[in-house]
Amino acid sequence: MVTNLPAKAKSIWAKAMMAKEPEEKLELLKQFYSSFPKHKATERLEVQIKRQIKKLEEEIENKKRKHGKVINIWNVKKEGDIQI
């Protein structure tokens, strides 16, 4: 990072990059976003963090939406010699 960040923000950033779980990483990135100063020199960093937060939120939402395979109980498998 080129920006001059406070020590607290740097430590939160390091924790966020080490986090493996998306929920934990999302929480740490939100903390980081609120802790670093917003000015012209940090505009790119701000956009980058917003993108990462959005990506993690979508990933968590997609994980919640995924379900098992849907099986149609009315579907009859065709078997035997004569099929109509």
N, C-alpha and C. Protein backbone atom coordinates (compact mmCIF):
# COMPACT_ATOMS: atom_id res chain seq x y z
N MET A 1 0.83 -1.18 0.00
CA MET A 1 0.00 0.00 0.00
C MET A 1 0.88 1.25 0.00
N VAL A 2 0.55 2.17 -0.83
CA VAL A 2 1.31 3.40 -0.95
C VAL A 2 0.86 4.42 0.09
N THR A 3 -0.34 4.31 0.54
CA THR A 3 -0.89 5.30 1.45
C THR A 3 -0.25 5.21 2.82
N ASN A 4 -0.29 6.31 3.53
CA ASN A 4 0.26 6.37 4.87
C ASN A 4 -0.87 6.09 5.86
N LEU A 5 -0.96 4.85 6.30
CA LEU A 5 -2.06 4.43 7.17
C LEU A 5 -1.64 4.40 8.63
N PRO A 6 -2.59 4.62 9.53
CA PRO A 6 -2.30 4.48 10.95
C PRO A 6 -1.99 3.02 11.30
N ALA A 7 -1.33 2.82 12.41
CA ALA A 7 -0.94 1.47 12.83
C ALA A 7 -2.15 0.57 13.05
N LYS A 8 -3.22 1.14 13.59
CA LYS A 8 -4.44 0.36 13.84
C LYS A 8 -5.00 -0.18 12.53
N ALA A 9 -5.04 0.66 11.52
CA ALA A 9 -5.58 0.25 10.22
C ALA A 9 -4.69 -0.81 9.58
N LYS A 10 -3.38 -0.67 9.73
CA LYS A 10 -2.46 -1.66 9.17
C LYS A 10 -2.65 -3.02 9.83
N SER A 11 -2.86 -3.03 11.14
CA SER A 11 -3.04 -4.30 11.83
C SER A 11 -4.36 -4.97 11.42
N ILE A 12 -5.40 -4.17 11.25
CA ILE A 12 -6.68 -4.73 10.80
C ILE A 12 -6.55 -5.27 9.38
N TRP A 13 -5.81 -4.56 8.52
CA TRP A 13 -5.59 -5.01 7.15
C TRP A 13 -4.85 -6.36 7.13
N ALA A 14 -3.85 -6.48 7.98
CA ALA A 14 -3.09 -7.74 8.04
C ALA A 14 -3.98 -8.89 8.49
N LYS A 15 -4.82 -8.64 9.48
CA LYS A 15 -5.75 -9.67 9.96
C LYS A 15 -6.74 -10.05 8.86
N ALA A 16 -7.22 -9.06 8.12
CA ALA A 16 -8.20 -9.32 7.06
C ALA A 16 -7.58 -10.16 5.94
N MET A 17 -6.34 -9.90 5.61
CA MET A 17 -5.69 -10.67 4.55
C MET A 17 -5.38 -12.10 4.99
N MET A 18 -5.23 -12.32 6.29
CA MET A 18 -4.94 -13.65 6.80
C MET A 18 -6.21 -14.47 7.04
N ALA A 19 -7.35 -13.81 7.10
CA ALA A 19 -8.61 -14.50 7.39
C ALA A 19 -8.98 -15.42 6.24
N LYS A 20 -9.49 -16.59 6.58
CA LYS A 20 -9.87 -17.57 5.57
C LYS A 20 -11.38 -17.63 5.36
N GLU A 21 -12.14 -17.47 6.41
CA GLU A 21 -13.60 -17.52 6.31
C GLU A 21 -14.13 -16.22 5.72
N PRO A 22 -15.05 -16.30 4.76
CA PRO A 22 -15.59 -15.08 4.14
C PRO A 22 -16.29 -14.15 5.14
N GLU A 23 -17.01 -14.72 6.10
CA GLU A 23 -17.72 -13.88 7.08
C GLU A 23 -16.74 -13.09 7.93
N GLU A 24 -15.69 -13.76 8.36
CA GLU A 24 -14.68 -13.11 9.19
C GLU A 24 -13.94 -12.03 8.38
N LYS A 25 -13.61 -12.37 7.15
CA LYS A 25 -12.90 -11.43 6.29
C LYS A 25 -13.76 -10.20 6.00
N LEU A 26 -15.05 -10.42 5.79
CA LEU A 26 -15.97 -9.31 5.53
C LEU A 26 -16.02 -8.37 6.73
N GLU A 27 -16.13 -8.93 7.91
CA GLU A 27 -16.18 -8.12 9.13
C GLU A 27 -14.90 -7.29 9.29
N LEU A 28 -13.75 -7.92 9.06
CA LEU A 28 -12.48 -7.21 9.20
C LEU A 28 -12.31 -6.13 8.13
N LEU A 29 -12.76 -6.40 6.91
CA LEU A 29 -12.66 -5.39 5.86
C LEU A 29 -13.55 -4.19 6.16
N LYS A 30 -14.71 -4.44 6.73
CA LYS A 30 -15.59 -3.33 7.12
C LYS A 30 -14.94 -2.50 8.23
N GLN A 31 -14.30 -3.17 9.17
CA GLN A 31 -13.58 -2.44 10.23
C GLN A 31 -12.44 -1.62 9.63
N PHE A 32 -11.72 -2.23 8.70
CA PHE A 32 -10.61 -1.53 8.06
C PHE A 32 -11.11 -0.31 7.29
N TYR A 33 -12.20 -0.49 6.57
CA TYR A 33 -12.75 0.62 5.78
C TYR A 33 -13.13 1.80 6.68
N SER A 34 -13.66 1.49 7.84
CA SER A 34 -14.05 2.58 8.74
C SER A 34 -12.87 3.18 9.49
N SER A 35 -11.72 2.49 9.51
CA SER A 35 -10.60 2.98 10.31
C SER A 35 -9.57 3.80 9.53
N PHE A 36 -9.51 3.67 8.21
CA PHE A 36 -8.47 4.43 7.51
C PHE A 36 -9.01 5.79 7.06
N PRO A 37 -8.12 6.79 6.97
CA PRO A 37 -8.55 8.14 6.59
C PRO A 37 -8.93 8.20 5.12
N LYS A 38 -9.99 8.92 4.83
CA LYS A 38 -10.46 9.04 3.45
C LYS A 38 -10.06 10.41 2.91
N HIS A 39 -9.16 10.39 1.95
CA HIS A 39 -8.74 11.62 1.27
C HIS A 39 -8.27 11.24 -0.13
N LYS A 40 -7.74 12.18 -0.85
CA LYS A 40 -7.41 11.96 -2.26
C LYS A 40 -6.38 10.83 -2.44
N ALA A 41 -5.47 10.68 -1.53
CA ALA A 41 -4.43 9.65 -1.67
C ALA A 41 -4.97 8.24 -1.43
N THR A 42 -6.10 8.12 -0.77
CA THR A 42 -6.64 6.79 -0.47
C THR A 42 -7.86 6.44 -1.32
N GLU A 43 -8.10 7.18 -2.38
CA GLU A 43 -9.28 6.91 -3.21
C GLU A 43 -9.24 5.52 -3.83
N ARG A 44 -8.10 5.13 -4.36
CA ARG A 44 -7.98 3.81 -4.99
C ARG A 44 -8.15 2.70 -3.96
N LEU A 45 -7.56 2.89 -2.81
CA LEU A 45 -7.70 1.90 -1.74
C LEU A 45 -9.16 1.77 -1.32
N GLU A 46 -9.83 2.90 -1.25
CA GLU A 46 -11.24 2.90 -0.87
C GLU A 46 -12.08 2.10 -1.88
N VAL A 47 -11.84 2.32 -3.16
CA VAL A 47 -12.57 1.59 -4.21
C VAL A 47 -12.25 0.10 -4.14
N GLN A 48 -10.99 -0.22 -3.93
CA GLN A 48 -10.58 -1.62 -3.85
C GLN A 48 -11.27 -2.33 -2.68
N ILE A 49 -11.33 -1.68 -1.54
CA ILE A 49 -11.96 -2.28 -0.37
C ILE A 49 -13.46 -2.44 -0.60
N LYS A 50 -14.09 -1.44 -1.21
CA LYS A 50 -15.52 -1.55 -1.50
C LYS A 50 -15.80 -2.73 -2.42
N ARG A 51 -14.94 -2.94 -3.42
CA ARG A 51 -15.12 -4.07 -4.33
C ARG A 51 -14.98 -5.40 -3.60
N GLN A 52 -13.98 -5.48 -2.74
CA GLN A 52 -13.78 -6.72 -1.98
C GLN A 52 -14.97 -7.00 -1.06
N ILE A 53 -15.49 -5.95 -0.43
CA ILE A 53 -16.64 -6.12 0.46
C ILE A 53 -17.84 -6.61 -0.33
N LYS A 54 -18.09 -6.00 -1.48
CA LYS A 54 -19.23 -6.40 -2.30
C LYS A 54 -19.08 -7.84 -2.78
N LYS A 55 -17.88 -8.21 -3.20
CA LYS A 55 -17.62 -9.57 -3.67
C LYS A 55 -17.85 -10.59 -2.55
N LEU A 56 -17.39 -10.28 -1.36
CA LEU A 56 -17.58 -11.19 -0.23
C LEU A 56 -19.05 -11.30 0.15
N GLU A 57 -19.78 -10.18 0.12
CA GLU A 57 -21.21 -10.23 0.44
C GLU A 57 -21.95 -11.10 -0.57
N GLU A 58 -21.61 -10.97 -1.85
CA GLU A 58 -22.25 -11.81 -2.87
C GLU A 58 -21.89 -13.28 -2.68
N GLU A 59 -20.65 -13.54 -2.34
CA GLU A 59 -20.21 -14.92 -2.12
C GLU A 59 -20.95 -15.55 -0.94
N ILE A 60 -21.11 -14.80 0.13
CA ILE A 60 -21.83 -15.31 1.30
C ILE A 60 -23.30 -15.53 0.96
N GLU A 61 -23.88 -14.61 0.20
CA GLU A 61 -25.28 -14.75 -0.18
C GLU A 61 -25.49 -15.96 -1.09
N ASN A 62 -24.58 -16.17 -2.03
CA ASN A 62 -24.68 -17.32 -2.92
C ASN A 62 -24.51 -18.63 -2.16
N LYS A 63 -23.66 -18.62 -1.17
CA LYS A 63 -23.46 -19.82 -0.36
C LYS A 63 -24.74 -20.17 0.40
N LYS A 64 -25.45 -19.14 0.87
CA LYS A 64 -26.70 -19.38 1.60
C LYS A 64 -27.79 -19.87 0.66
N ARG A 65 -27.78 -19.41 -0.59
CA ARG A 65 -28.83 -19.76 -1.53
C ARG A 65 -28.69 -21.17 -2.10
N LYS A 66 -27.48 -21.70 -2.12
CA LYS A 66 -27.27 -23.00 -2.74
C LYS A 66 -28.00 -24.08 -1.94
N HIS A 67 -28.67 -24.94 -2.68
CA HIS A 67 -29.39 -26.05 -2.08
C HIS A 67 -28.93 -27.33 -2.76
N GLY A 68 -29.42 -28.42 -2.25
CA GLY A 68 -29.11 -29.70 -2.86
C GLY A 68 -29.82 -29.87 -4.19
N LYS A 69 -29.56 -30.97 -4.82
CA LYS A 69 -30.16 -31.26 -6.12
C LYS A 69 -31.65 -31.52 -5.95
N VAL A 70 -32.45 -30.95 -6.82
CA VAL A 70 -33.90 -31.13 -6.77
C VAL A 70 -34.25 -32.36 -7.59
N ILE A 71 -35.00 -33.26 -6.99
CA ILE A 71 -35.40 -34.49 -7.66
C ILE A 71 -36.91 -34.45 -7.87
N ASN A 72 -37.32 -34.69 -9.10
CA ASN A 72 -38.73 -34.72 -9.43
C ASN A 72 -39.26 -36.12 -9.13
N ILE A 73 -40.19 -36.22 -8.17
CA ILE A 73 -40.69 -37.53 -7.78
C ILE A 73 -41.67 -38.10 -8.81
N TRP A 74 -42.19 -37.27 -9.69
CA TRP A 74 -43.16 -37.73 -10.69
C TRP A 74 -42.49 -38.21 -11.96
N ASN A 75 -41.20 -38.10 -12.05
CA ASN A 75 -40.47 -38.55 -13.22
C ASN A 75 -40.27 -40.06 -13.13
N VAL A 76 -40.78 -40.79 -14.14
CA VAL A 76 -40.67 -42.25 -14.15
C VAL A 76 -39.58 -42.64 -15.13
N LYS A 77 -38.63 -43.40 -14.64
CA LYS A 77 -37.53 -43.84 -15.48
C LYS A 77 -38.02 -44.93 -16.43
N LYS A 78 -37.68 -44.79 -17.71
CA LYS A 78 -38.12 -45.76 -18.71
C LYS A 78 -37.23 -47.00 -18.63
N GLU A 79 -37.88 -48.16 -18.50
CA GLU A 79 -37.15 -49.42 -18.41
C GLU A 79 -37.90 -50.49 -19.20
N GLY A 80 -37.20 -51.53 -19.56
CA GLY A 80 -37.83 -52.68 -20.20
C GLY A 80 -37.72 -52.65 -21.71
N ASP A 81 -38.31 -53.70 -22.33
CA ASP A 81 -38.24 -53.85 -23.78
C ASP A 81 -39.21 -52.93 -24.51
N ILE A 82 -40.42 -52.83 -24.01
CA ILE A 82 -41.44 -52.05 -24.69
C ILE A 82 -41.59 -50.71 -23.98
N GLN A 83 -41.39 -49.66 -24.74
CA GLN A 83 -41.55 -48.32 -24.18
C GLN A 83 -42.56 -47.57 -25.01
N ILE A 84 -43.49 -46.97 -24.35
CA ILE A 84 -44.54 -46.23 -25.06
C ILE A 84 -44.33 -44.76 -24.85
